[in-house]
Amino acid sequence: MSGAVAALPEMLGRLKLTAMRDRLDGLLDEAARRELTLAETLALLCQAEVAHREERRIQMGLGIAKFPFVRTLESFDFAAQPSLDPRQVRDLAACRWVANGDTLLAQGPPGTGKTHLAVALGREAIRQGYSVLFTPAMALITALMKGHSEGRLEERLARYAKPKLLIIDELGYLPLEPQAAHLLFALVSRRYERGSSMLVTSNRSVGEWGLVLNDQVVATAILDRLLHHSHVLTIRGDSYRLREKRRSGLLKRTTDADPEPGTT
């Protein structure tokens, strides 16, 4: 029996139970200290292995998602954006909309936290077992246009259609070429047919998407699919960046006679 005990780390390694193997001595000491039964000791070992695999899965999912930075719902300043209902955001964090293949549109002026919320909700989706991919809108369009010109459009569409949740950030900051709008429609249609979710952030309201896409007909077709089963987060607050500049005195507070640049 002592030989089997000595070979236990090797056997755990062959079974790919690496967390059990690496923490074996410490876990067995803890079990002895707590006077656990054999079944309780086995449960303790299994809990360590499950927790390790879950953390590894999450870290792998975060790497695949390509988030530009780390943001969480806990770090979002709801007090600075009173137009947002924290209860709605926390309900969205349960990710039932992802399970149902719904769309989430986050719209509002630049700098109001749309990308922060998109990343935070994407991280929650990964924690709950969903595959996620984050992409800036222009990077997505560039990839689709390049794929089309190189005869590899199907490959690009397959890549962006694969994850359960696709996050498209900052749609609307620059107008798209007509060809790009049609390629975006192809992607949205494919994901719609598969029942996959999308989260789109934009500084434009949906009524302006015809201008953004340079094609009202295509815009209507895209919105018809996105809005079929959708949720909307609308932020009407001030930019975090402008607020910090005002606090430091670098920017005067806005008045009717002294509008902020770009608002006239």
C-alpha atoms as a PDB file:
ATOM      1  CA  MET A   1       0.000   0.000   0.000  1.00  0.00           C
ATOM      2  CA  SER A   2       2.888   2.369   0.786  1.00  0.00           C
ATOM      3  CA  GLY A   3       4.123   1.902  -2.762  1.00  0.00           C
ATOM      4  CA  ALA A   4       0.750   2.935  -4.126  1.00  0.00           C
ATOM      5  CA  VAL A   5       0.758   6.007  -1.902  1.00  0.00           C
ATOM      6  CA  ALA A   6       4.242   6.953  -3.135  1.00  0.00           C
ATOM      7  CA  ALA A   7       3.049   6.577  -6.719  1.00  0.00           C
ATOM      8  CA  LEU A   8      -0.047   8.696  -6.094  1.00  0.00           C
ATOM      9  CA  PRO A   9       1.381  11.950  -7.540  1.00  0.00           C
ATOM     10  CA  GLU A  10       2.398  10.131 -10.703  1.00  0.00           C
ATOM     11  CA  MET A  11      -1.019   8.527 -11.064  1.00  0.00           C
ATOM     12  CA  LEU A  12      -2.764  11.855 -10.536  1.00  0.00           C
ATOM     13  CA  GLY A  13      -0.557  13.358 -13.234  1.00  0.00           C
ATOM     14  CA  ARG A  14      -1.415  10.558 -15.677  1.00  0.00           C
ATOM     15  CA  LEU A  15      -5.091  11.214 -14.952  1.00  0.00           C
ATOM     16  CA  LYS A  16      -4.446  14.919 -15.607  1.00  0.00           C
ATOM     17  CA  LEU A  17      -5.595  15.819 -12.087  1.00  0.00           C
ATOM     18  CA  THR A  18      -2.803  18.354 -11.798  1.00  0.00           C
ATOM     19  CA  ALA A  19      -4.344  20.512  -9.070  1.00  0.00           C
ATOM     20  CA  MET A  20      -4.770  17.466  -6.847  1.00  0.00           C
ATOM     21  CA  ARG A  21      -1.199  16.401  -7.592  1.00  0.00           C
ATOM     22  CA  ASP A  22       0.378  19.787  -6.989  1.00  0.00           C
ATOM     23  CA  ARG A  23      -1.548  20.469  -3.763  1.00  0.00           C
ATOM     24  CA  LEU A  24      -1.746  16.913  -2.482  1.00  0.00           C
ATOM     25  CA  ASP A  25       0.370  17.262   0.652  1.00  0.00           C
ATOM     26  CA  GLY A  26      -1.265  20.513   1.716  1.00  0.00           C
ATOM     27  CA  LEU A  27      -4.778  19.213   1.087  1.00  0.00           C
ATOM     28  CA  LEU A  28      -4.121  15.986   2.982  1.00  0.00           C
ATOM     29  CA  ASP A  29      -2.678  17.980   5.891  1.00  0.00           C
ATOM     30  CA  GLU A  30      -5.795  20.153   5.900  1.00  0.00           C
ATOM     31  CA  ALA A  31      -8.026  17.064   5.848  1.00  0.00           C
ATOM     32  CA  ALA A  32      -6.166  15.580   8.803  1.00  0.00           C
ATOM     33  CA  ARG A  33      -6.298  18.857  10.727  1.00  0.00           C
ATOM     34  CA  ARG A  34     -10.044  19.125  10.185  1.00  0.00           C
ATOM     35  CA  GLU A  35     -10.491  15.394  10.927  1.00  0.00           C
ATOM     36  CA  LEU A  36     -12.389  14.876   7.682  1.00  0.00           C
ATOM     37  CA  THR A  37     -13.836  11.513   6.741  1.00  0.00           C
ATOM     38  CA  LEU A  38     -12.594   9.669   3.674  1.00  0.00           C
ATOM     39  CA  ALA A  39     -15.548  10.954   1.627  1.00  0.00           C
ATOM     40  CA  GLU A  40     -15.010  14.518   2.873  1.00  0.00           C
ATOM     41  CA  THR A  41     -11.318  14.297   2.025  1.00  0.00           C
ATOM     42  CA  LEU A  42     -12.154  13.120  -1.478  1.00  0.00           C
ATOM     43  CA  ALA A  43     -14.611  16.020  -1.829  1.00  0.00           C
ATOM     44  CA  LEU A  44     -11.905  18.457  -0.714  1.00  0.00           C
ATOM     45  CA  LEU A  45      -9.510  17.110  -3.342  1.00  0.00           C
ATOM     46  CA  CYS A  46     -12.177  17.266  -6.051  1.00  0.00           C
ATOM     47  CA  GLN A  47     -13.107  20.838  -5.110  1.00  0.00           C
ATOM     48  CA  ALA A  48      -9.493  21.904  -5.577  1.00  0.00           C
ATOM     49  CA  GLU A  49      -9.354  20.256  -8.994  1.00  0.00           C
ATOM     50  CA  VAL A  50     -12.673  21.712 -10.147  1.00  0.00           C
ATOM     51  CA  ALA A  51     -11.709  25.218  -8.985  1.00  0.00           C
ATOM     52  CA  HIS A  52      -8.372  24.957 -10.795  1.00  0.00           C
ATOM     53  CA  ARG A  53      -9.983  23.831 -14.051  1.00  0.00           C
ATOM     54  CA  GLU A  54     -12.651  26.512 -13.834  1.00  0.00           C
ATOM     55  CA  GLU A  55     -10.046  29.234 -13.354  1.00  0.00           C
ATOM     56  CA  ARG A  56      -8.002  27.862 -16.246  1.00  0.00           C
ATOM     57  CA  ARG A  57     -11.108  27.814 -18.460  1.00  0.00           C
ATOM     58  CA  ILE A  58     -11.893  31.421 -17.579  1.00  0.00           C
ATOM     59  CA  GLN A  59      -8.352  32.583 -18.235  1.00  0.00           C
ATOM     60  CA  MET A  60      -8.319  30.807 -21.593  1.00  0.00           C
ATOM     61  CA  GLY A  61     -11.658  32.377 -22.505  1.00  0.00           C
ATOM     62  CA  LEU A  62     -10.415  35.838 -21.558  1.00  0.00           C
ATOM     63  CA  GLY A  63      -7.363  35.341 -23.751  1.00  0.00           C
ATOM     64  CA  ILE A  64      -9.463  34.271 -26.732  1.00  0.00           C
ATOM     65  CA  ALA A  65     -11.879  37.183 -26.237  1.00  0.00           C
ATOM     66  CA  LYS A  66      -9.158  39.791 -26.935  1.00  0.00           C
ATOM     67  CA  PHE A  67     -10.493  42.398 -24.537  1.00  0.00           C
ATOM     68  CA  PRO A  68      -8.474  45.642 -24.788  1.00  0.00           C
ATOM     69  CA  PHE A  69      -8.325  46.022 -21.013  1.00  0.00           C
ATOM     70  CA  VAL A  70      -9.735  44.670 -17.749  1.00  0.00           C
ATOM     71  CA  ARG A  71     -13.042  46.201 -16.670  1.00  0.00           C
ATOM     72  CA  THR A  72     -15.624  44.893 -14.212  1.00  0.00           C
ATOM     73  CA  LEU A  73     -19.133  45.854 -13.194  1.00  0.00           C
ATOM     74  CA  GLU A  74     -17.863  46.454  -9.666  1.00  0.00           C
ATOM     75  CA  SER A  75     -15.562  49.207 -10.947  1.00  0.00           C
ATOM     76  CA  PHE A  76     -18.264  50.966 -12.992  1.00  0.00           C
ATOM     77  CA  ASP A  77     -19.325  54.317 -11.515  1.00  0.00           C
ATOM     78  CA  PHE A  78     -23.115  54.166 -11.721  1.00  0.00           C
ATOM     79  CA  ALA A  79     -23.403  57.368  -9.686  1.00  0.00           C
ATOM     80  CA  ALA A  80     -21.675  59.260 -12.507  1.00  0.00           C
ATOM     81  CA  GLN A  81     -24.197  57.944 -15.058  1.00  0.00           C
ATOM     82  CA  PRO A  82     -27.644  58.334 -13.421  1.00  0.00           C
ATOM     83  CA  SER A  83     -29.407  57.587 -16.719  1.00  0.00           C
ATOM     84  CA  LEU A  84     -28.375  53.938 -16.294  1.00  0.00           C
ATOM     85  CA  ASP A  85     -30.432  51.608 -14.126  1.00  0.00           C
ATOM     86  CA  PRO A  86     -27.965  49.463 -12.122  1.00  0.00           C
ATOM     87  CA  ARG A  87     -30.640  46.796 -11.705  1.00  0.00           C
ATOM     88  CA  GLN A  88     -30.958  46.430 -15.480  1.00  0.00           C
ATOM     89  CA  VAL A  89     -27.196  46.090 -15.870  1.00  0.00           C
ATOM     90  CA  ARG A  90     -26.955  43.513 -13.084  1.00  0.00           C
ATOM     91  CA  ASP A  91     -29.830  41.602 -14.641  1.00  0.00           C
ATOM     92  CA  LEU A  92     -27.940  41.594 -17.936  1.00  0.00           C
ATOM     93  CA  ALA A  93     -24.897  40.258 -16.059  1.00  0.00           C
ATOM     94  CA  ALA A  94     -26.885  37.056 -15.453  1.00  0.00           C
ATOM     95  CA  CYS A  95     -26.424  36.521 -19.224  1.00  0.00           C
ATOM     96  CA  ARG A  96     -29.879  35.109 -19.918  1.00  0.00           C
ATOM     97  CA  TRP A  97     -29.860  37.292 -23.036  1.00  0.00           C
ATOM     98  CA  VAL A  98     -26.722  35.492 -24.216  1.00  0.00           C
ATOM     99  CA  ALA A  99     -28.306  32.101 -23.595  1.00  0.00           C
ATOM    100  CA  ASN A 100     -31.352  33.227 -25.606  1.00  0.00           C
ATOM    101  CA  GLY A 101     -29.293  34.600 -28.496  1.00  0.00           C
ATOM    102  CA  ASP A 102     -30.506  38.173 -27.957  1.00  0.00           C
ATOM    103  CA  THR A 103     -28.806  41.402 -28.976  1.00  0.00           C
ATOM    104  CA  LEU A 104     -27.662  44.105 -26.564  1.00  0.00           C
ATOM    105  CA  LEU A 105     -27.215  47.650 -27.875  1.00  0.00           C
ATOM    106  CA  ALA A 106     -25.282  50.112 -25.711  1.00  0.00           C
ATOM    107  CA  GLN A 107     -25.618  53.637 -27.089  1.00  0.00           C
ATOM    108  CA  GLY A 108     -24.529  57.030 -25.861  1.00  0.00           C
ATOM    109  CA  PRO A 109     -21.963  59.823 -26.304  1.00  0.00           C
ATOM    110  CA  PRO A 110     -18.237  59.046 -26.380  1.00  0.00           C
ATOM    111  CA  GLY A 111     -16.544  58.486 -23.049  1.00  0.00           C
ATOM    112  CA  THR A 112     -19.631  57.508 -21.059  1.00  0.00           C
ATOM    113  CA  GLY A 113     -18.606  53.939 -20.245  1.00  0.00           C
ATOM    114  CA  LYS A 114     -20.106  51.897 -23.084  1.00  0.00           C
ATOM    115  CA  THR A 115     -16.910  49.946 -23.723  1.00  0.00           C
ATOM    116  CA  HIS A 116     -16.401  49.473 -19.983  1.00  0.00           C
ATOM    117  CA  LEU A 117     -19.836  47.853 -19.726  1.00  0.00           C
ATOM    118  CA  ALA A 118     -19.268  45.779 -22.870  1.00  0.00           C
ATOM    119  CA  VAL A 119     -16.015  44.331 -21.512  1.00  0.00           C
ATOM    120  CA  ALA A 120     -17.496  43.756 -18.058  1.00  0.00           C
ATOM    121  CA  LEU A 121     -20.547  41.936 -19.451  1.00  0.00           C
ATOM    122  CA  GLY A 122     -18.314  39.959 -21.789  1.00  0.00           C
ATOM    123  CA  ARG A 123     -16.238  38.799 -18.827  1.00  0.00           C
ATOM    124  CA  GLU A 124     -19.404  37.734 -17.025  1.00  0.00           C
ATOM    125  CA  ALA A 125     -20.457  35.726 -20.085  1.00  0.00           C
ATOM    126  CA  ILE A 126     -17.113  33.903 -20.077  1.00  0.00           C
ATOM    127  CA  ARG A 127     -17.465  33.101 -16.389  1.00  0.00           C
ATOM    128  CA  GLN A 128     -20.822  31.523 -17.145  1.00  0.00           C
ATOM    129  CA  GLY A 129     -19.378  29.302 -19.845  1.00  0.00           C
ATOM    130  CA  TYR A 130     -19.977  31.220 -23.076  1.00  0.00           C
ATOM    131  CA  SER A 131     -17.393  31.880 -25.769  1.00  0.00           C
ATOM    132  CA  VAL A 132     -16.802  35.579 -26.432  1.00  0.00           C
ATOM    133  CA  LEU A 133     -14.911  37.647 -29.008  1.00  0.00           C
ATOM    134  CA  PHE A 134     -14.379  41.403 -28.729  1.00  0.00           C
ATOM    135  CA  THR A 135     -13.552  43.505 -31.789  1.00  0.00           C
ATOM    136  CA  PRO A 136     -13.516  47.226 -32.574  1.00  0.00           C
ATOM    137  CA  ALA A 137     -16.001  47.909 -35.362  1.00  0.00           C
ATOM    138  CA  MET A 138     -13.394  49.228 -37.789  1.00  0.00           C
ATOM    139  CA  ALA A 139     -11.101  46.241 -37.170  1.00  0.00           C
ATOM    140  CA  LEU A 140     -14.016  43.941 -37.963  1.00  0.00           C
ATOM    141  CA  ILE A 141     -14.888  45.811 -41.144  1.00  0.00           C
ATOM    142  CA  THR A 142     -11.254  45.891 -42.242  1.00  0.00           C
ATOM    143  CA  ALA A 143     -10.965  42.133 -41.713  1.00  0.00           C
ATOM    144  CA  LEU A 144     -14.142  41.437 -43.692  1.00  0.00           C
ATOM    145  CA  MET A 145     -13.113  43.759 -46.533  1.00  0.00           C
ATOM    146  CA  LYS A 146      -9.664  42.167 -46.701  1.00  0.00           C
ATOM    147  CA  GLY A 147     -11.173  38.704 -46.655  1.00  0.00           C
ATOM    148  CA  HIS A 148     -13.496  39.664 -49.490  1.00  0.00           C
ATOM    149  CA  SER A 149     -10.685  41.072 -51.631  1.00  0.00           C
ATOM    150  CA  GLU A 150      -8.489  38.009 -51.037  1.00  0.00           C
ATOM    151  CA  GLY A 151     -11.255  35.493 -51.711  1.00  0.00           C
ATOM    152  CA  ARG A 152     -11.307  34.414 -48.053  1.00  0.00           C
ATOM    153  CA  LEU A 153     -14.551  36.018 -46.940  1.00  0.00           C
ATOM    154  CA  GLU A 154     -16.116  32.710 -45.880  1.00  0.00           C
ATOM    155  CA  GLU A 155     -13.161  32.087 -43.577  1.00  0.00           C
ATOM    156  CA  ARG A 156     -13.551  35.508 -41.947  1.00  0.00           C
ATOM    157  CA  LEU A 157     -17.308  35.156 -41.604  1.00  0.00           C
ATOM    158  CA  ALA A 158     -16.860  31.757 -39.980  1.00  0.00           C
ATOM    159  CA  ARG A 159     -14.414  33.200 -37.464  1.00  0.00           C
ATOM    160  CA  TYR A 160     -16.731  36.005 -36.370  1.00  0.00           C
ATOM    161  CA  ALA A 161     -19.807  33.780 -36.441  1.00  0.00           C
ATOM    162  CA  LYS A 162     -18.278  31.139 -34.153  1.00  0.00           C
ATOM    163  CA  PRO A 163     -18.392  32.668 -30.627  1.00  0.00           C
ATOM    164  CA  LYS A 164     -21.668  32.627 -28.725  1.00  0.00           C
ATOM    165  CA  LEU A 165     -21.241  36.354 -28.026  1.00  0.00           C
ATOM    166  CA  LEU A 166     -19.646  38.796 -30.461  1.00  0.00           C
ATOM    167  CA  ILE A 167     -18.944  42.280 -29.092  1.00  0.00           C
ATOM    168  CA  ILE A 168     -18.627  45.022 -31.733  1.00  0.00           C
ATOM    169  CA  ASP A 169     -17.302  48.207 -30.186  1.00  0.00           C
ATOM    170  CA  GLU A 170     -17.673  51.783 -31.435  1.00  0.00           C
ATOM    171  CA  LEU A 171     -19.874  51.269 -34.455  1.00  0.00           C
ATOM    172  CA  GLY A 172     -20.738  54.670 -35.881  1.00  0.00           C
ATOM    173  CA  TYR A 173     -17.593  56.686 -35.190  1.00  0.00           C
ATOM    174  CA  LEU A 174     -16.711  56.537 -38.880  1.00  0.00           C
ATOM    175  CA  PRO A 175     -19.076  56.047 -41.858  1.00  0.00           C
ATOM    176  CA  LEU A 176     -18.708  52.773 -43.724  1.00  0.00           C
ATOM    177  CA  GLU A 177     -18.278  52.131 -47.409  1.00  0.00           C
ATOM    178  CA  PRO A 178     -21.346  50.595 -49.098  1.00  0.00           C
ATOM    179  CA  GLN A 179     -19.493  47.312 -49.656  1.00  0.00           C
ATOM    180  CA  ALA A 180     -18.593  47.181 -45.965  1.00  0.00           C
ATOM    181  CA  ALA A 181     -22.246  47.584 -44.986  1.00  0.00           C
ATOM    182  CA  HIS A 182     -23.189  44.564 -47.106  1.00  0.00           C
ATOM    183  CA  LEU A 183     -20.439  42.475 -45.514  1.00  0.00           C
ATOM    184  CA  LEU A 184     -21.630  43.475 -42.056  1.00  0.00           C
ATOM    185  CA  PHE A 185     -25.148  42.445 -43.067  1.00  0.00           C
ATOM    186  CA  ALA A 186     -23.807  39.025 -44.134  1.00  0.00           C
ATOM    187  CA  LEU A 187     -22.228  38.533 -40.706  1.00  0.00           C
ATOM    188  CA  VAL A 188     -25.276  39.734 -38.766  1.00  0.00           C
ATOM    189  CA  SER A 189     -27.528  37.461 -40.832  1.00  0.00           C
ATOM    190  CA  ARG A 190     -25.346  34.433 -40.207  1.00  0.00           C
ATOM    191  CA  ARG A 191     -25.262  35.016 -36.469  1.00  0.00           C
ATOM    192  CA  TYR A 192     -29.006  35.669 -36.418  1.00  0.00           C
ATOM    193  CA  GLU A 193     -29.664  32.356 -38.147  1.00  0.00           C
ATOM    194  CA  ARG A 194     -27.502  30.563 -35.594  1.00  0.00           C
ATOM    195  CA  GLY A 195     -29.192  32.219 -32.627  1.00  0.00           C
ATOM    196  CA  SER A 196     -25.928  33.795 -31.473  1.00  0.00           C
ATOM    197  CA  SER A 197     -25.780  36.959 -29.413  1.00  0.00           C
ATOM    198  CA  MET A 198     -24.223  40.298 -30.279  1.00  0.00           C
ATOM    199  CA  LEU A 199     -23.350  43.281 -28.135  1.00  0.00           C
ATOM    200  CA  VAL A 200     -22.910  46.488 -30.122  1.00  0.00           C
ATOM    201  CA  THR A 201     -21.753  49.808 -28.695  1.00  0.00           C
ATOM    202  CA  SER A 202     -22.361  52.968 -30.673  1.00  0.00           C
ATOM    203  CA  ASN A 203     -22.355  56.732 -30.273  1.00  0.00           C
ATOM    204  CA  ARG A 204     -25.258  56.882 -32.750  1.00  0.00           C
ATOM    205  CA  SER A 205     -28.909  56.066 -32.165  1.00  0.00           C
ATOM    206  CA  VAL A 206     -30.407  53.334 -34.323  1.00  0.00           C
ATOM    207  CA  GLY A 207     -32.257  56.008 -36.302  1.00  0.00           C
ATOM    208  CA  GLU A 208     -28.880  57.239 -37.577  1.00  0.00           C
ATOM    209  CA  TRP A 209     -27.539  53.881 -38.709  1.00  0.00           C
ATOM    210  CA  GLY A 210     -28.576  54.584 -42.293  1.00  0.00           C
ATOM    211  CA  LEU A 211     -26.044  57.424 -42.320  1.00  0.00           C
ATOM    212  CA  VAL A 212     -23.399  55.313 -40.603  1.00  0.00           C
ATOM    213  CA  LEU A 213     -23.775  52.449 -43.078  1.00  0.00           C
ATOM    214  CA  ASN A 214     -24.273  54.715 -46.093  1.00  0.00           C
ATOM    215  CA  ASP A 215     -27.221  52.533 -47.094  1.00  0.00           C
ATOM    216  CA  GLN A 216     -30.652  52.908 -45.520  1.00  0.00           C
ATOM    217  CA  VAL A 217     -31.934  49.635 -46.974  1.00  0.00           C
ATOM    218  CA  VAL A 218     -29.014  47.609 -45.568  1.00  0.00           C
ATOM    219  CA  ALA A 219     -29.256  49.446 -42.254  1.00  0.00           C
ATOM    220  CA  THR A 220     -32.943  48.547 -41.992  1.00  0.00           C
ATOM    221  CA  ALA A 221     -32.182  44.905 -42.791  1.00  0.00           C
ATOM    222  CA  ILE A 222     -29.433  44.756 -40.155  1.00  0.00           C
ATOM    223  CA  LEU A 223     -31.577  46.435 -37.504  1.00  0.00           C
ATOM    224  CA  ASP A 224     -34.491  44.136 -38.335  1.00  0.00           C
ATOM    225  CA  ARG A 225     -32.348  41.196 -37.232  1.00  0.00           C
ATOM    226  CA  LEU A 226     -30.570  42.876 -34.339  1.00  0.00           C
ATOM    227  CA  LEU A 227     -33.724  44.331 -32.799  1.00  0.00           C
ATOM    228  CA  HIS A 228     -35.897  41.231 -33.181  1.00  0.00           C
ATOM    229  CA  HIS A 229     -34.871  40.079 -29.702  1.00  0.00           C
ATOM    230  CA  SER A 230     -32.951  42.912 -28.115  1.00  0.00           C
ATOM    231  CA  HIS A 231     -32.118  44.916 -25.022  1.00  0.00           C
ATOM    232  CA  VAL A 232     -30.986  48.536 -25.058  1.00  0.00           C
ATOM    233  CA  LEU A 233     -28.735  50.455 -22.677  1.00  0.00           C
ATOM    234  CA  THR A 234     -28.882  54.198 -23.306  1.00  0.00           C
ATOM    235  CA  ILE A 235     -26.388  56.445 -21.528  1.00  0.00           C
ATOM    236  CA  ARG A 236     -27.093  60.178 -21.529  1.00  0.00           C
ATOM    237  CA  GLY A 237     -24.393  61.253 -19.090  1.00  0.00           C
ATOM    238  CA  ASP A 238     -21.201  63.229 -19.443  1.00  0.00           C
ATOM    239  CA  SER A 239     -17.857  61.881 -20.647  1.00  0.00           C
ATOM    240  CA  TYR A 240     -15.624  60.552 -17.876  1.00  0.00           C
ATOM    241  CA  ARG A 241     -12.609  62.076 -19.594  1.00  0.00           C
ATOM    242  CA  LEU A 242     -14.160  65.539 -19.879  1.00  0.00           C
ATOM    243  CA  ARG A 243     -15.318  65.341 -16.272  1.00  0.00           C
ATOM    244  CA  GLU A 244     -11.769  64.679 -15.079  1.00  0.00           C
ATOM    245  CA  LYS A 245     -10.450  67.590 -17.152  1.00  0.00           C
ATOM    246  CA  ARG A 246     -13.023  69.911 -15.601  1.00  0.00           C
ATOM    247  CA  ARG A 247     -12.027  68.767 -12.132  1.00  0.00           C
ATOM    248  CA  SER A 248      -8.389  69.527 -12.888  1.00  0.00           C
ATOM    249  CA  GLY A 249      -9.282  72.934 -14.366  1.00  0.00           C
ATOM    250  CA  LEU A 250      -8.119  72.058 -17.886  1.00  0.00           C
ATOM    251  CA  LEU A 251     -11.623  72.510 -19.298  1.00  0.00           C
ATOM    252  CA  LYS A 252     -14.241  75.062 -18.355  1.00  0.00           C
ATOM    253  CA  ARG A 253     -17.686  73.847 -17.353  1.00  0.00           C
ATOM    254  CA  THR A 254     -20.083  73.947 -20.267  1.00  0.00           C
ATOM    255  CA  THR A 255     -22.617  76.790 -20.518  1.00  0.00           C
ATOM    256  CA  ASP A 256     -25.156  77.692 -23.147  1.00  0.00           C
ATOM    257  CA  ALA A 257     -22.861  80.458 -24.360  1.00  0.00           C
ATOM    258  CA  ASP A 258     -19.772  78.309 -24.240  1.00  0.00           C
ATOM    259  CA  PRO A 259     -20.546  74.879 -25.712  1.00  0.00           C
ATOM    260  CA  GLU A 260     -18.085  71.982 -25.684  1.00  0.00           C
ATOM    261  CA  PRO A 261     -16.148  71.414 -28.897  1.00  0.00           C
ATOM    262  CA  GLY A 262     -18.017  69.195 -31.311  1.00  0.00           C
ATOM    263  CA  THR A 263     -21.484  69.827 -29.883  1.00  0.00           C
ATOM    264  CA  THR A 264     -22.508  72.624 -32.211  1.00  0.00           C
END
